[in-house]
Amino acid sequence: MHTQYLILLMSSLMLFGDQAVKVPMEKLGTEYELIGKLHAPLGKLITVVGVVVEGPFKGYEGGPNLRVQQIQGKYYQKDIQICLSPYFTDWGESAAVPKLKNGETYEMEGYETGGFVGVPDEAYSKAGLMIQTSGHYFRHRFVAIKAKLTKPISCAPWMFSGEKALLSGVAKSLAGDAALVGDGWSVIVKRGEKWNDHVEGKKIESYGLYNPDPTGKEDPNRANKTFDLVDGWWRLVALEDQVGRMVALRGTARSMNGVWWFHYRGTDLYVDGMESLPGWSHTNHWQAMQIEGRLEKAKLPSLEQISLKTDRDLVEYYIVRDPKWKSLPELLAPETGLPPSAE
């Protein structure tokens, strides 16, 4: 019988209720095959590359996690993070699975598996026992049978042939063209136009398709090293380079005890009147979104003291004035504040 592939995060079965596809467990492996976070059938031996980070302190996702950048030789910018487990022994007890260091890049061979953890909401309510747990969901994990330290992955145009990608580099004007210059490559963002002074020399990003520069055939030094940005856009990255200017920042909304703020690549900042913006809802907590407005600096109540005292100390923060917002389906991995080696 033809096997049907289900790209299925098992927890979605709970989120959509009766609208979810019901998969009989006894038909797994015959009529249905589960595809995990790593775009491969659960239990299939694969090779992945990524940066090791510490998982959340609470819940079932703690311990070493992998921020995945490459699967079976293909590069990904989708935000993929998965718990790690060593095969048979603990980390560092054999040469095959060495002790891991946070922030370092590893190549691992193994397989994805998982199982349900936590307690269903209905059972938790009816039991009447106050225990610290999470909802009932499918926990993915990668079991590594081999792991080794490897060089950090630095994204380059040729890694994403025919696909849109987010690349970072330095803004430089090259031969009259506005370019993004990376490590041994460059992207022509605007032909026949130099960067403005406030952009020249600053860190920028571009998103779009990257076609090899046709002029490279005439200049051997540029062949296979220079690309044209197609159907895309660019932006400044560092907040300090955007103060006093209109911005469009992609990050996540966060809240605690009724206080809302915005998280942008490891930096918490204020959004003027955030909780009163049109269409705002408590469900925006941890929601990926884009905030547009004018970026300024101001002395504002410390976000680190929210749970400590009501009269919080004033600390200098970035703040977006005259803001607008729109939700995003997700952020790309480079937009989430990964360790420098993972950008």
Protein backbone atom coordinates (compact mmCIF):
# COMPACT_ATOMS: atom_id res chain seq x y z
CA MET A 1 0.00 0.00 0.00
CA HIS A 2 1.24 3.45 -0.88
CA THR A 3 2.62 5.18 2.21
CA GLN A 4 1.17 8.61 2.91
CA TYR A 5 3.55 11.18 4.36
CA LEU A 6 2.21 13.40 7.12
CA ILE A 7 4.26 16.45 7.97
CA LEU A 8 2.95 16.36 11.48
CA LEU A 9 3.87 18.08 14.68
CA MET A 10 1.87 15.77 16.89
CA SER A 11 0.86 18.51 19.29
CA SER A 12 -1.26 20.02 16.51
CA LEU A 13 -3.74 17.20 17.04
CA MET A 14 -4.70 18.93 20.27
CA LEU A 15 -4.78 22.44 18.88
CA PHE A 16 -7.30 21.84 16.13
CA GLY A 17 -9.61 19.35 17.86
CA ASP A 18 -12.15 17.74 15.56
CA GLN A 19 -10.64 19.41 12.51
CA ALA A 20 -7.38 17.50 12.91
CA VAL A 21 -6.59 14.44 10.80
CA LYS A 22 -7.16 11.37 12.94
CA VAL A 23 -4.33 8.87 12.45
CA PRO A 24 -4.90 5.32 13.76
CA MET A 25 -1.72 4.36 15.62
CA GLU A 26 -1.86 0.78 14.32
CA LYS A 27 -1.52 2.09 10.75
CA LEU A 28 1.71 3.95 11.37
CA GLY A 29 4.46 2.41 9.29
CA THR A 30 2.02 0.85 6.83
CA GLU A 31 -0.34 3.55 5.59
CA TYR A 32 1.17 6.54 7.37
CA GLU A 33 4.68 7.73 8.10
CA LEU A 34 5.36 10.53 10.56
CA ILE A 35 7.69 13.30 9.44
CA GLY A 36 9.36 15.15 12.32
CA LYS A 37 10.82 18.58 12.85
CA LEU A 38 13.89 17.60 10.87
CA HIS A 39 11.98 16.91 7.62
CA ALA A 40 12.67 13.17 7.79
CA PRO A 41 10.64 10.15 8.98
CA LEU A 42 10.90 9.52 12.71
CA GLY A 43 13.52 6.83 13.29
CA LYS A 44 15.40 7.43 10.04
CA LEU A 45 19.16 7.88 10.40
CA ILE A 46 20.17 11.37 9.25
CA THR A 47 23.01 13.88 9.63
CA VAL A 48 22.39 17.36 11.01
CA VAL A 49 24.56 20.38 11.80
CA GLY A 50 23.73 23.14 14.23
CA VAL A 51 24.57 25.14 17.33
CA VAL A 52 24.15 23.66 20.80
CA VAL A 53 22.15 25.80 23.25
CA GLU A 54 20.63 25.23 26.68
CA GLY A 55 16.93 24.45 26.63
CA PRO A 56 14.32 26.12 28.84
CA PHE A 57 14.88 25.73 32.60
CA LYS A 58 11.31 24.57 33.18
CA GLY A 59 9.33 21.92 31.36
CA TYR A 60 10.38 19.00 29.22
CA GLU A 61 12.60 20.88 26.75
CA GLY A 62 15.52 21.43 29.13
CA GLY A 63 19.09 20.23 28.75
CA PRO A 64 21.13 20.48 25.55
CA ASN A 65 19.18 21.54 22.47
CA LEU A 66 20.32 21.90 18.88
CA ARG A 67 19.52 24.95 16.75
CA VAL A 68 19.53 23.18 13.41
CA GLN A 69 21.11 24.83 10.35
CA GLN A 70 21.74 21.90 8.01
CA ILE A 71 19.90 18.61 7.44
CA GLN A 72 21.28 15.96 5.11
CA GLY A 73 23.49 18.55 3.42
CA LYS A 74 20.67 21.06 2.84
CA TYR A 75 20.84 24.43 4.60
CA TYR A 76 17.83 25.78 6.49
CA GLN A 77 16.97 29.16 7.98
CA LYS A 78 13.68 28.04 9.47
CA ASP A 79 13.76 28.30 13.25
CA ILE A 80 14.26 24.64 14.21
CA GLN A 81 15.27 23.72 17.76
CA ILE A 82 15.19 20.18 19.10
CA CYS A 83 16.15 18.45 22.36
CA LEU A 84 19.24 16.26 22.28
CA SER A 85 19.86 12.83 23.78
CA PRO A 86 23.00 10.70 23.43
CA TYR A 87 22.63 7.11 22.28
CA PHE A 88 23.16 4.61 25.13
CA THR A 89 25.81 6.55 27.12
CA ASP A 90 25.82 10.03 28.63
CA TRP A 91 27.50 12.96 26.88
CA GLY A 92 31.27 12.75 27.31
CA GLU A 93 31.35 9.09 28.32
CA SER A 94 32.45 7.92 24.89
CA ALA A 95 34.38 9.37 21.97
CA ALA A 96 31.31 8.99 19.77
CA VAL A 97 29.24 11.46 21.79
CA PRO A 98 31.62 14.00 23.42
CA LYS A 99 30.60 16.45 26.11
CA LEU A 100 28.80 19.36 24.46
CA LYS A 101 29.63 23.07 24.80
CA ASN A 102 26.92 25.68 24.45
CA GLY A 103 27.42 28.02 21.51
CA GLU A 104 29.58 25.56 19.58
CA THR A 105 28.63 24.00 16.24
CA TYR A 106 28.36 20.23 15.94
CA GLU A 107 27.74 17.69 13.21
CA MET A 108 25.60 14.83 14.49
CA GLU A 109 24.42 11.55 13.09
CA GLY A 110 21.33 10.02 14.61
CA TYR A 111 17.56 9.92 14.38
CA GLU A 112 14.54 11.88 15.50
CA THR A 113 12.04 10.29 17.82
CA GLY A 114 9.61 11.42 20.48
CA GLY A 115 6.57 10.74 22.62
CA PHE A 116 3.75 12.45 24.48
CA VAL A 117 4.55 14.19 27.76
CA GLY A 118 2.58 16.35 30.17
CA VAL A 119 -1.00 16.11 31.39
CA PRO A 120 -4.17 16.81 29.36
CA ASP A 121 -5.99 19.91 30.62
CA GLU A 122 -9.18 18.00 31.38
CA ALA A 123 -7.36 15.38 33.44
CA TYR A 124 -5.45 18.09 35.32
CA SER A 125 -8.69 19.90 36.20
CA LYS A 126 -10.62 16.81 37.30
CA ALA A 127 -7.76 15.35 39.34
CA GLY A 128 -7.64 18.45 41.51
CA LEU A 129 -3.96 17.92 42.28
CA MET A 130 -1.73 20.97 42.02
CA ILE A 131 1.40 19.66 40.34
CA GLN A 132 3.88 21.52 38.18
CA THR A 133 3.53 20.19 34.65
CA SER A 134 2.79 21.22 31.09
CA GLY A 135 -0.07 20.43 28.76
CA HIS A 136 -0.18 17.12 26.91
CA TYR A 137 1.97 17.42 23.78
CA PHE A 138 4.37 15.50 21.57
CA ARG A 139 8.00 16.12 22.56
CA HIS A 140 10.51 15.74 19.72
CA ARG A 141 14.11 14.79 20.42
CA PHE A 142 17.17 13.87 18.38
CA VAL A 143 19.12 10.81 19.51
CA ALA A 144 22.78 11.24 18.53
CA ILE A 145 24.83 8.12 17.90
CA LYS A 146 27.79 10.23 16.75
CA ALA A 147 28.71 13.87 17.30
CA LYS A 148 31.73 15.97 16.49
CA LEU A 149 32.74 19.60 16.74
CA THR A 150 32.77 21.37 13.38
CA LYS A 151 33.20 24.85 11.93
CA PRO A 152 30.40 27.37 12.44
CA ILE A 153 28.11 27.79 9.45
CA SER A 154 28.18 31.24 7.91
CA CYS A 155 25.31 31.70 5.47
CA ALA A 156 26.28 32.57 1.89
CA PRO A 157 24.25 33.08 -1.32
CA TRP A 158 25.20 29.79 -2.97
CA MET A 159 23.76 27.81 -0.04
CA PHE A 160 20.22 28.80 -1.05
CA SER A 161 20.14 28.48 -4.83
CA GLY A 162 16.61 29.12 -6.07
CA GLU A 163 15.36 29.91 -2.55
CA LYS A 164 14.88 33.15 -0.67
CA ALA A 165 17.29 33.64 2.21
CA LEU A 166 18.30 36.20 4.82
CA LEU A 167 21.98 37.18 4.56
CA SER A 168 23.99 39.59 6.67
CA GLY A 169 27.13 41.59 5.97
CA VAL A 170 28.55 45.09 5.81
CA ALA A 171 27.15 47.85 3.60
CA LYS A 172 29.83 48.97 1.14
CA SER A 173 29.68 50.93 -2.11
CA LEU A 174 31.56 48.94 -4.77
CA ALA A 175 32.26 50.53 -8.16
CA GLY A 176 29.20 52.73 -7.81
CA ASP A 177 26.91 49.92 -6.62
CA ALA A 178 25.37 49.54 -3.16
CA ALA A 179 26.49 46.13 -1.96
CA LEU A 180 26.24 43.85 1.05
CA VAL A 181 29.70 42.36 1.62
CA GLY A 182 30.06 39.02 3.38
CA ASP A 183 32.94 36.63 3.97
CA GLY A 184 34.41 36.19 0.51
CA TRP A 185 31.24 37.19 -1.36
CA SER A 186 29.06 40.21 -2.01
CA VAL A 187 25.48 40.94 -3.00
CA ILE A 188 24.63 43.91 -5.21
CA VAL A 189 21.56 45.39 -3.52
CA LYS A 190 21.16 48.50 -5.72
CA ARG A 191 23.00 48.96 -9.01
CA GLY A 192 24.22 52.40 -10.00
CA GLU A 193 23.54 53.79 -6.53
CA LYS A 194 25.86 54.24 -3.56
CA TRP A 195 24.88 53.81 0.08
CA ASN A 196 23.91 56.88 2.07
CA ASP A 197 26.40 57.97 4.72
CA HIS A 198 24.28 56.67 7.59
CA VAL A 199 24.31 53.16 6.03
CA GLU A 200 27.83 52.90 4.61
CA GLY A 201 29.98 50.60 6.77
CA LYS A 202 27.08 49.42 8.95
CA LYS A 203 25.80 45.87 9.41
CA ILE A 204 22.85 45.19 7.11
CA GLU A 205 20.75 42.27 5.95
CA SER A 206 19.08 41.41 2.69
CA TYR A 207 16.27 38.98 2.00
CA GLY A 208 15.38 37.59 -1.40
CA LEU A 209 16.74 35.47 -4.23
CA TYR A 210 20.42 35.64 -5.17
CA ASN A 211 21.42 35.31 -8.80
CA PRO A 212 25.07 35.10 -9.87
CA ASP A 213 26.29 38.48 -11.14
CA PRO A 214 26.33 38.31 -14.97
CA THR A 215 29.21 40.82 -15.07
CA GLY A 216 31.38 38.26 -13.31
CA LYS A 217 32.21 36.71 -16.68
CA GLU A 218 34.03 39.90 -17.62
CA ASP A 219 35.83 40.23 -14.29
CA PRO A 220 37.41 36.96 -13.05
CA ASN A 221 37.83 38.45 -9.59
CA ARG A 222 34.04 38.73 -9.24
CA ALA A 223 33.09 35.46 -10.88
CA ASN A 224 31.15 33.15 -8.53
CA LYS A 225 31.60 35.69 -5.72
CA THR A 226 29.12 38.43 -6.56
CA PHE A 227 25.35 38.06 -6.67
CA ASP A 228 22.37 40.25 -7.52
CA LEU A 229 19.53 40.61 -5.04
CA VAL A 230 16.28 39.70 -6.82
CA ASP A 231 12.74 40.25 -5.53
CA GLY A 232 13.94 41.28 -2.11
CA TRP A 233 14.72 44.02 0.40
CA TRP A 234 17.44 45.17 2.77
CA ARG A 235 17.57 46.70 6.25
CA LEU A 236 19.90 47.90 8.96
CA VAL A 237 20.34 45.42 11.81
CA ALA A 238 21.82 47.09 14.91
CA LEU A 239 19.39 49.20 16.93
CA GLU A 240 22.03 51.87 17.63
CA ASP A 241 22.29 52.49 13.89
CA GLN A 242 18.56 53.19 13.62
CA VAL A 243 17.89 55.66 16.45
CA GLY A 244 15.85 58.62 15.20
CA ARG A 245 14.75 56.75 12.09
CA MET A 246 11.67 54.84 10.99
CA VAL A 247 12.12 51.13 11.62
CA ALA A 248 10.43 47.81 10.89
CA LEU A 249 11.60 45.40 13.58
CA ARG A 250 10.78 41.69 13.57
CA GLY A 251 10.69 39.96 16.93
CA THR A 252 8.30 38.72 19.63
CA ALA A 253 5.85 40.43 21.99
CA ARG A 254 6.25 39.52 25.64
CA SER A 255 4.45 40.31 28.87
CA MET A 256 4.56 39.85 32.62
CA ASN A 257 2.15 41.09 35.28
CA GLY A 258 0.38 43.27 32.74
CA VAL A 259 3.56 44.89 31.41
CA TRP A 260 4.24 44.46 27.69
CA TRP A 261 7.49 44.83 25.79
CA PHE A 262 9.14 43.72 22.53
CA HIS A 263 12.09 41.34 22.16
CA TYR A 264 14.41 41.99 19.23
CA ARG A 265 17.41 39.68 18.78
CA GLY A 266 18.30 39.41 22.43
CA THR A 267 17.33 42.99 23.31
CA ASP A 268 14.18 43.99 25.19
CA LEU A 269 12.67 47.32 24.19
CA TYR A 270 9.49 49.28 24.76
CA VAL A 271 6.72 49.99 22.27
CA ASP A 272 4.74 53.14 23.07
CA GLY A 273 1.22 52.18 24.21
CA MET A 274 1.76 48.59 23.11
CA GLU A 275 -1.17 47.05 25.00
CA SER A 276 -3.52 49.73 23.59
CA LEU A 277 -2.67 49.25 19.92
CA PRO A 278 -5.65 48.50 17.62
CA GLY A 279 -6.48 44.80 17.64
CA TRP A 280 -4.14 44.02 20.53
CA SER A 281 -4.89 40.90 22.59
CA HIS A 282 -3.46 38.98 25.52
CA THR A 283 -2.85 36.14 23.02
CA ASN A 284 -0.03 38.23 21.52
CA HIS A 285 2.26 37.03 24.30
CA TRP A 286 5.22 35.35 22.60
CA GLN A 287 3.67 36.08 19.19
CA ALA A 288 6.07 36.75 16.31
CA MET A 289 5.34 40.19 14.88
CA GLN A 290 6.69 43.23 13.10
CA ILE A 291 6.70 46.58 14.87
CA GLU A 292 6.93 49.72 12.74
CA GLY A 293 7.54 53.25 13.98
CA ARG A 294 10.26 55.72 14.96
CA LEU A 295 13.06 54.39 17.15
CA GLU A 296 14.18 56.51 20.09
CA LYS A 297 15.90 56.13 23.46
CA ALA A 298 14.36 57.05 26.82
CA LYS A 299 14.63 56.41 30.58
CA LEU A 300 11.89 53.89 31.35
CA PRO A 301 10.97 51.48 34.21
CA SER A 302 13.28 48.48 34.43
CA LEU A 303 11.83 45.39 32.80
CA GLU A 304 14.01 43.20 35.00
CA GLN A 305 12.23 44.50 38.12
CA ILE A 306 8.65 43.77 37.03
CA SER A 307 8.18 41.01 39.60
CA LEU A 308 10.33 42.70 42.25
CA LYS A 309 8.71 46.07 42.97
CA THR A 310 6.06 48.47 41.72
CA ASP A 311 8.28 51.57 41.79
CA ARG A 312 10.83 50.28 39.29
CA ASP A 313 14.12 52.05 38.64
CA LEU A 314 14.46 54.07 35.47
CA VAL A 315 16.81 52.52 32.90
CA GLU A 316 17.68 53.61 29.37
CA TYR A 317 15.78 51.59 26.77
CA TYR A 318 15.04 51.77 23.10
CA ILE A 319 11.40 52.62 22.44
CA VAL A 320 9.34 52.63 19.25
CA ARG A 321 7.14 55.72 19.01
CA ASP A 322 3.96 56.07 16.91
CA PRO A 323 3.92 52.30 16.46
CA LYS A 324 1.99 49.97 14.20
CA TRP A 325 2.09 46.19 14.38
CA LYS A 326 1.27 43.11 12.35
CA SER A 327 1.56 39.46 13.28
CA LEU A 328 3.99 37.14 11.51
CA PRO A 329 3.65 33.38 10.99
CA GLU A 330 7.17 32.86 12.34
CA LEU A 331 10.66 34.31 12.55
CA LEU A 332 13.65 33.00 10.66
CA ALA A 333 16.42 31.54 12.81
CA PRO A 334 18.80 34.53 12.28
CA GLU A 335 16.02 36.82 13.58
CA THR A 336 15.73 35.07 16.93
CA GLY A 337 19.01 36.17 18.51
CA LEU A 338 21.10 33.07 17.91
CA PRO A 339 24.70 32.90 19.16
CA PRO A 340 27.04 34.83 16.81
CA SER A 341 28.40 31.61 15.32
CA ALA A 342 24.90 30.70 14.15
CA GLU A 343 24.08 33.91 12.29
